[in-house]
């Protein structure tokens, strides 16, 4: 794959930041190309060089941010000390770092009806990591637990706690939040299905 023109990267970064800035005052359906280009400081013509239309832009950016989020917060560790068997964990310190940088995105993901498909994408990616986390151990308990039950609990719990944290002005430090949320995710059910250490406050 050829190297992407730095000007293309710069323009897309401007449009992505404009999107996040506009989420502070607009819902997804209220986004329009004029506001996006004005906020980003680019022309409509430049916008159309990169994206077919507004819907394509929103879809691309939402999916990119979800991908970036997991790239940022997931770390792989050896399973039972075996470096040939690496399993993922979600590092909650990094979760709150990321959410703190782009809180409006996660509020949108939690609350907007128009974000349903992206909430599902966020949820499905988490479930994929869960299955990978238990892949070298006993995965039967996880697979026997209804996916919708587990996913809805994790996604709405995590996003709901993050939303409350943001609304309160992030008065608690990221690590304080991470430590306490990791404790919440060590319930009896999580122990039974082998996920008691899937969420960790930080990596040693």
C-alpha atoms as a PDB file:
ATOM      1  CA  UNK A   1       0.000   0.000   0.000  1.00  0.00           C
ATOM      2  CA  UNK A   2       1.367   3.425  -1.015  1.00  0.00           C
ATOM      3  CA  UNK A   3       2.031   6.157   1.482  1.00  0.00           C
ATOM      4  CA  UNK A   4      -0.937   8.454   2.099  1.00  0.00           C
ATOM      5  CA  UNK A   5      -0.387  12.091   1.162  1.00  0.00           C
ATOM      6  CA  UNK A   6       0.216  14.057   4.415  1.00  0.00           C
ATOM      7  CA  UNK A   7      -2.258  16.682   3.165  1.00  0.00           C
ATOM      8  CA  UNK A   8      -4.962  14.016   3.009  1.00  0.00           C
ATOM      9  CA  UNK A   9      -4.174  12.915   6.561  1.00  0.00           C
ATOM     10  CA  UNK A  10      -4.242  16.529   7.770  1.00  0.00           C
ATOM     11  CA  UNK A  11      -7.613  17.236   6.131  1.00  0.00           C
ATOM     12  CA  UNK A  12      -9.196  14.090   7.532  1.00  0.00           C
ATOM     13  CA  UNK A  13      -7.901  14.936  11.006  1.00  0.00           C
ATOM     14  CA  UNK A  14      -9.429  18.402  10.716  1.00  0.00           C
ATOM     15  CA  UNK A  15     -12.797  16.963   9.691  1.00  0.00           C
ATOM     16  CA  UNK A  16     -12.711  14.351  12.429  1.00  0.00           C
ATOM     17  CA  UNK A  17     -11.979  16.990  15.072  1.00  0.00           C
ATOM     18  CA  UNK A  18     -14.719  19.200  13.626  1.00  0.00           C
ATOM     19  CA  UNK A  19     -17.120  16.270  13.970  1.00  0.00           C
ATOM     20  CA  UNK A  20     -16.181  15.779  17.636  1.00  0.00           C
ATOM     21  CA  UNK A  21     -16.472  19.508  18.324  1.00  0.00           C
ATOM     22  CA  UNK A  22     -19.941  19.648  16.756  1.00  0.00           C
ATOM     23  CA  UNK A  23     -21.111  16.676  18.839  1.00  0.00           C
ATOM     24  CA  UNK A  24     -21.005  19.033  21.832  1.00  0.00           C
ATOM     25  CA  UNK A  25     -24.070  20.846  20.478  1.00  0.00           C
ATOM     26  CA  UNK A  26     -25.549  18.591  17.768  1.00  0.00           C
ATOM     27  CA  UNK A  27     -26.920  15.103  17.381  1.00  0.00           C
ATOM     28  CA  UNK A  28     -25.792  12.847  14.534  1.00  0.00           C
ATOM     29  CA  UNK A  29     -28.837  13.599  12.361  1.00  0.00           C
ATOM     30  CA  UNK A  30     -28.301  17.337  12.824  1.00  0.00           C
ATOM     31  CA  UNK A  31     -24.831  17.234  11.312  1.00  0.00           C
ATOM     32  CA  UNK A  32     -24.502  18.919   7.936  1.00  0.00           C
ATOM     33  CA  UNK A  33     -21.632  19.410   5.529  1.00  0.00           C
ATOM     34  CA  UNK A  34     -21.707  23.203   5.789  1.00  0.00           C
ATOM     35  CA  UNK A  35     -21.162  23.167   9.550  1.00  0.00           C
ATOM     36  CA  UNK A  36     -18.521  20.440   9.294  1.00  0.00           C
ATOM     37  CA  UNK A  37     -16.498  22.272   6.660  1.00  0.00           C
ATOM     38  CA  UNK A  38     -16.835  25.622   8.424  1.00  0.00           C
ATOM     39  CA  UNK A  39     -15.701  24.080  11.701  1.00  0.00           C
ATOM     40  CA  UNK A  40     -12.789  22.296  10.013  1.00  0.00           C
ATOM     41  CA  UNK A  41     -11.778  25.280   7.931  1.00  0.00           C
ATOM     42  CA  UNK A  42     -11.991  23.405   4.618  1.00  0.00           C
ATOM     43  CA  UNK A  43     -14.130  23.865   1.518  1.00  0.00           C
ATOM     44  CA  UNK A  44     -17.115  21.739   0.474  1.00  0.00           C
ATOM     45  CA  UNK A  45     -15.097  20.697  -2.563  1.00  0.00           C
ATOM     46  CA  UNK A  46     -12.336  19.398  -0.324  1.00  0.00           C
ATOM     47  CA  UNK A  47     -14.893  17.472   1.738  1.00  0.00           C
ATOM     48  CA  UNK A  48     -16.218  15.722  -1.367  1.00  0.00           C
ATOM     49  CA  UNK A  49     -12.729  14.741  -2.415  1.00  0.00           C
ATOM     50  CA  UNK A  50     -12.603  12.548   0.703  1.00  0.00           C
ATOM     51  CA  UNK A  51     -16.196  11.476   1.383  1.00  0.00           C
ATOM     52  CA  UNK A  52     -19.152  10.737  -0.889  1.00  0.00           C
ATOM     53  CA  UNK A  53     -21.707  12.403   1.378  1.00  0.00           C
ATOM     54  CA  UNK A  54     -22.465  13.242   5.001  1.00  0.00           C
ATOM     55  CA  UNK A  55     -23.738   9.752   5.861  1.00  0.00           C
ATOM     56  CA  UNK A  56     -20.562   8.140   4.514  1.00  0.00           C
ATOM     57  CA  UNK A  57     -18.499  10.605   6.536  1.00  0.00           C
ATOM     58  CA  UNK A  58     -20.375   9.940   9.787  1.00  0.00           C
ATOM     59  CA  UNK A  59     -20.177   6.179   9.291  1.00  0.00           C
ATOM     60  CA  UNK A  60     -16.448   6.328   8.556  1.00  0.00           C
ATOM     61  CA  UNK A  61     -15.630   8.542  11.533  1.00  0.00           C
ATOM     62  CA  UNK A  62     -17.770   6.609  14.014  1.00  0.00           C
ATOM     63  CA  UNK A  63     -16.168   3.320  12.953  1.00  0.00           C
ATOM     64  CA  UNK A  64     -12.664   4.827  13.014  1.00  0.00           C
ATOM     65  CA  UNK A  65     -13.065   6.131  16.562  1.00  0.00           C
ATOM     66  CA  UNK A  66     -14.388   2.799  17.826  1.00  0.00           C
ATOM     67  CA  UNK A  67     -11.419   1.050  16.202  1.00  0.00           C
ATOM     68  CA  UNK A  68      -9.006   3.614  17.669  1.00  0.00           C
ATOM     69  CA  UNK A  69     -10.579   3.187  21.109  1.00  0.00           C
ATOM     70  CA  UNK A  70      -9.951  -0.549  21.229  1.00  0.00           C
ATOM     71  CA  UNK A  71      -6.468  -0.173  19.759  1.00  0.00           C
ATOM     72  CA  UNK A  72      -5.726   2.227  22.610  1.00  0.00           C
ATOM     73  CA  UNK A  73      -7.239   0.318  25.553  1.00  0.00           C
ATOM     74  CA  UNK A  74      -6.554  -3.357  24.764  1.00  0.00           C
ATOM     75  CA  UNK A  75      -3.252  -4.933  25.780  1.00  0.00           C
ATOM     76  CA  UNK A  76      -2.169  -8.511  25.250  1.00  0.00           C
ATOM     77  CA  UNK A  77      -0.548 -10.557  28.011  1.00  0.00           C
ATOM     78  CA  UNK A  78       0.735 -14.153  28.164  1.00  0.00           C
ATOM     79  CA  UNK A  79      -1.833 -16.709  29.255  1.00  0.00           C
ATOM     80  CA  UNK A  80      -0.540 -18.337  32.447  1.00  0.00           C
ATOM     81  CA  UNK A  81       2.981 -17.129  31.637  1.00  0.00           C
ATOM     82  CA  UNK A  82       3.060 -18.725  28.178  1.00  0.00           C
ATOM     83  CA  UNK A  83       4.188 -16.078  25.687  1.00  0.00           C
ATOM     84  CA  UNK A  84       2.984 -18.273  22.829  1.00  0.00           C
ATOM     85  CA  UNK A  85      -0.571 -17.818  24.093  1.00  0.00           C
ATOM     86  CA  UNK A  86      -1.455 -14.136  24.252  1.00  0.00           C
ATOM     87  CA  UNK A  87      -4.832 -12.966  25.506  1.00  0.00           C
ATOM     88  CA  UNK A  88      -6.381  -9.475  25.561  1.00  0.00           C
ATOM     89  CA  UNK A  89      -7.283  -7.380  28.567  1.00  0.00           C
ATOM     90  CA  UNK A  90      -9.024  -4.018  28.675  1.00  0.00           C
ATOM     91  CA  UNK A  91      -6.984  -1.479  30.635  1.00  0.00           C
ATOM     92  CA  UNK A  92      -9.436   0.825  32.393  1.00  0.00           C
ATOM     93  CA  UNK A  93      -6.888   3.576  33.049  1.00  0.00           C
ATOM     94  CA  UNK A  94      -6.596   3.868  29.276  1.00  0.00           C
ATOM     95  CA  UNK A  95     -10.379   3.686  28.862  1.00  0.00           C
ATOM     96  CA  UNK A  96     -10.873   6.754  31.025  1.00  0.00           C
ATOM     97  CA  UNK A  97      -7.920   8.519  29.383  1.00  0.00           C
ATOM     98  CA  UNK A  98      -9.537   8.027  25.980  1.00  0.00           C
ATOM     99  CA  UNK A  99     -13.055   8.927  27.093  1.00  0.00           C
ATOM    100  CA  UNK A 100     -11.722  12.041  28.797  1.00  0.00           C
ATOM    101  CA  UNK A 101     -10.267  13.204  25.472  1.00  0.00           C
ATOM    102  CA  UNK A 102     -13.482  12.684  23.465  1.00  0.00           C
ATOM    103  CA  UNK A 103     -16.379  12.561  25.956  1.00  0.00           C
ATOM    104  CA  UNK A 104     -19.033  13.774  23.492  1.00  0.00           C
ATOM    105  CA  UNK A 105     -18.471  10.752  21.280  1.00  0.00           C
ATOM    106  CA  UNK A 106     -19.209   8.331  24.108  1.00  0.00           C
ATOM    107  CA  UNK A 107     -22.254  10.291  25.285  1.00  0.00           C
ATOM    108  CA  UNK A 108     -23.552  10.057  21.706  1.00  0.00           C
ATOM    109  CA  UNK A 109     -22.777   6.346  21.591  1.00  0.00           C
ATOM    110  CA  UNK A 110     -24.723   5.780  24.817  1.00  0.00           C
ATOM    111  CA  UNK A 111     -27.764   8.005  24.339  1.00  0.00           C
ATOM    112  CA  UNK A 112     -28.611   8.616  20.692  1.00  0.00           C
ATOM    113  CA  UNK A 113     -31.062   6.381  18.848  1.00  0.00           C
ATOM    114  CA  UNK A 114     -29.217   7.165  15.624  1.00  0.00           C
ATOM    115  CA  UNK A 115     -26.096   5.595  17.129  1.00  0.00           C
ATOM    116  CA  UNK A 116     -27.679   2.138  17.491  1.00  0.00           C
ATOM    117  CA  UNK A 117     -25.590   0.506  14.767  1.00  0.00           C
ATOM    118  CA  UNK A 118     -22.383   1.946  16.218  1.00  0.00           C
ATOM    119  CA  UNK A 119     -23.316   0.880  19.737  1.00  0.00           C
ATOM    120  CA  UNK A 120     -23.771  -2.623  18.294  1.00  0.00           C
ATOM    121  CA  UNK A 121     -20.357  -2.414  16.630  1.00  0.00           C
ATOM    122  CA  UNK A 122     -18.789  -1.261  19.917  1.00  0.00           C
ATOM    123  CA  UNK A 123     -20.535  -4.131  21.704  1.00  0.00           C
ATOM    124  CA  UNK A 124     -19.614  -6.812  19.153  1.00  0.00           C
ATOM    125  CA  UNK A 125     -15.952  -5.827  19.207  1.00  0.00           C
ATOM    126  CA  UNK A 126     -15.917  -6.119  22.988  1.00  0.00           C
ATOM    127  CA  UNK A 127     -17.490  -9.567  22.745  1.00  0.00           C
ATOM    128  CA  UNK A 128     -14.825 -10.654  20.238  1.00  0.00           C
ATOM    129  CA  UNK A 129     -12.147  -9.673  22.755  1.00  0.00           C
ATOM    130  CA  UNK A 130     -14.018 -11.534  25.495  1.00  0.00           C
ATOM    131  CA  UNK A 131     -14.017 -14.739  23.427  1.00  0.00           C
ATOM    132  CA  UNK A 132     -10.328 -14.251  22.688  1.00  0.00           C
ATOM    133  CA  UNK A 133      -9.634 -13.672  26.388  1.00  0.00           C
ATOM    134  CA  UNK A 134     -11.064 -17.079  27.343  1.00  0.00           C
ATOM    135  CA  UNK A 135      -9.832 -18.907  24.242  1.00  0.00           C
ATOM    136  CA  UNK A 136      -7.009 -20.776  26.023  1.00  0.00           C
ATOM    137  CA  UNK A 137      -9.054 -21.590  29.100  1.00  0.00           C
ATOM    138  CA  UNK A 138     -12.593 -22.838  29.545  1.00  0.00           C
ATOM    139  CA  UNK A 139     -14.736 -20.830  27.134  1.00  0.00           C
ATOM    140  CA  UNK A 140     -17.907 -22.865  27.681  1.00  0.00           C
ATOM    141  CA  UNK A 141     -19.286 -20.709  30.559  1.00  0.00           C
ATOM    142  CA  UNK A 142     -18.962 -17.529  28.482  1.00  0.00           C
ATOM    143  CA  UNK A 143     -20.573 -19.138  25.451  1.00  0.00           C
ATOM    144  CA  UNK A 144     -23.450 -20.432  27.592  1.00  0.00           C
ATOM    145  CA  UNK A 145     -24.138 -16.933  28.926  1.00  0.00           C
ATOM    146  CA  UNK A 146     -26.559 -15.116  26.588  1.00  0.00           C
ATOM    147  CA  UNK A 147     -24.481 -12.743  24.472  1.00  0.00           C
ATOM    148  CA  UNK A 148     -27.103  -9.985  24.676  1.00  0.00           C
ATOM    149  CA  UNK A 149     -27.207 -10.175  28.477  1.00  0.00           C
ATOM    150  CA  UNK A 150     -23.440  -9.983  28.866  1.00  0.00           C
ATOM    151  CA  UNK A 151     -22.887  -7.365  26.180  1.00  0.00           C
ATOM    152  CA  UNK A 152     -25.669  -5.049  27.270  1.00  0.00           C
ATOM    153  CA  UNK A 153     -24.499  -5.162  30.860  1.00  0.00           C
ATOM    154  CA  UNK A 154     -20.882  -4.407  29.972  1.00  0.00           C
ATOM    155  CA  UNK A 155     -21.527  -1.720  27.370  1.00  0.00           C
ATOM    156  CA  UNK A 156     -24.230   0.168  29.238  1.00  0.00           C
ATOM    157  CA  UNK A 157     -22.416  -0.161  32.560  1.00  0.00           C
ATOM    158  CA  UNK A 158     -19.135   1.119  31.125  1.00  0.00           C
ATOM    159  CA  UNK A 159     -20.653   3.913  29.030  1.00  0.00           C
ATOM    160  CA  UNK A 160     -23.131   4.858  31.752  1.00  0.00           C
ATOM    161  CA  UNK A 161     -20.414   5.188  34.380  1.00  0.00           C
ATOM    162  CA  UNK A 162     -18.306   7.189  31.928  1.00  0.00           C
ATOM    163  CA  UNK A 163     -21.249   9.478  31.144  1.00  0.00           C
ATOM    164  CA  UNK A 164     -21.867  10.175  34.843  1.00  0.00           C
ATOM    165  CA  UNK A 165     -18.156  10.860  35.309  1.00  0.00           C
ATOM    166  CA  UNK A 166     -18.176  13.374  32.444  1.00  0.00           C
ATOM    167  CA  UNK A 167     -21.410  15.056  33.589  1.00  0.00           C
ATOM    168  CA  UNK A 168     -19.921  15.529  37.063  1.00  0.00           C
ATOM    169  CA  UNK A 169     -16.967  17.318  35.505  1.00  0.00           C
ATOM    170  CA  UNK A 170     -14.511  14.400  35.759  1.00  0.00           C
ATOM    171  CA  UNK A 171     -13.897  15.322  39.387  1.00  0.00           C
ATOM    172  CA  UNK A 172     -12.461  11.873  40.109  1.00  0.00           C
ATOM    173  CA  UNK A 173      -9.032  10.982  38.755  1.00  0.00           C
ATOM    174  CA  UNK A 174      -8.842   8.494  35.888  1.00  0.00           C
ATOM    175  CA  UNK A 175      -7.044   5.911  38.024  1.00  0.00           C
ATOM    176  CA  UNK A 176      -9.605   6.231  40.827  1.00  0.00           C
ATOM    177  CA  UNK A 177     -12.367   5.539  38.308  1.00  0.00           C
ATOM    178  CA  UNK A 178     -10.439   2.665  36.733  1.00  0.00           C
ATOM    179  CA  UNK A 179      -9.727   1.011  40.100  1.00  0.00           C
ATOM    180  CA  UNK A 180     -13.329   1.155  41.245  1.00  0.00           C
ATOM    181  CA  UNK A 181     -14.829   0.066  37.936  1.00  0.00           C
ATOM    182  CA  UNK A 182     -12.470  -2.917  37.849  1.00  0.00           C
ATOM    183  CA  UNK A 183     -13.863  -3.923  41.250  1.00  0.00           C
ATOM    184  CA  UNK A 184     -17.428  -3.637  39.958  1.00  0.00           C
ATOM    185  CA  UNK A 185     -16.525  -6.019  37.146  1.00  0.00           C
ATOM    186  CA  UNK A 186     -15.464  -8.795  39.516  1.00  0.00           C
ATOM    187  CA  UNK A 187     -18.924 -10.065  40.337  1.00  0.00           C
ATOM    188  CA  UNK A 188     -19.788 -13.697  40.987  1.00  0.00           C
ATOM    189  CA  UNK A 189     -20.927 -14.068  37.383  1.00  0.00           C
ATOM    190  CA  UNK A 190     -17.627 -12.753  36.061  1.00  0.00           C
ATOM    191  CA  UNK A 191     -15.720 -15.254  38.205  1.00  0.00           C
ATOM    192  CA  UNK A 192     -17.937 -18.092  36.996  1.00  0.00           C
ATOM    193  CA  UNK A 193     -17.376 -17.315  33.311  1.00  0.00           C
ATOM    194  CA  UNK A 194     -13.650 -16.555  33.627  1.00  0.00           C
ATOM    195  CA  UNK A 195     -13.736 -12.795  33.101  1.00  0.00           C
ATOM    196  CA  UNK A 196     -12.689 -11.626  36.554  1.00  0.00           C
ATOM    197  CA  UNK A 197      -9.398 -10.309  35.145  1.00  0.00           C
ATOM    198  CA  UNK A 198     -10.613  -9.169  31.709  1.00  0.00           C
ATOM    199  CA  UNK A 199     -10.907  -5.582  32.944  1.00  0.00           C
ATOM    200  CA  UNK A 200      -7.854  -4.318  34.809  1.00  0.00           C
ATOM    201  CA  UNK A 201      -7.211  -0.863  36.260  1.00  0.00           C
ATOM    202  CA  UNK A 202      -3.710  -0.746  34.817  1.00  0.00           C
ATOM    203  CA  UNK A 203      -1.014  -3.052  33.539  1.00  0.00           C
ATOM    204  CA  UNK A 204       1.956  -3.734  35.794  1.00  0.00           C
END
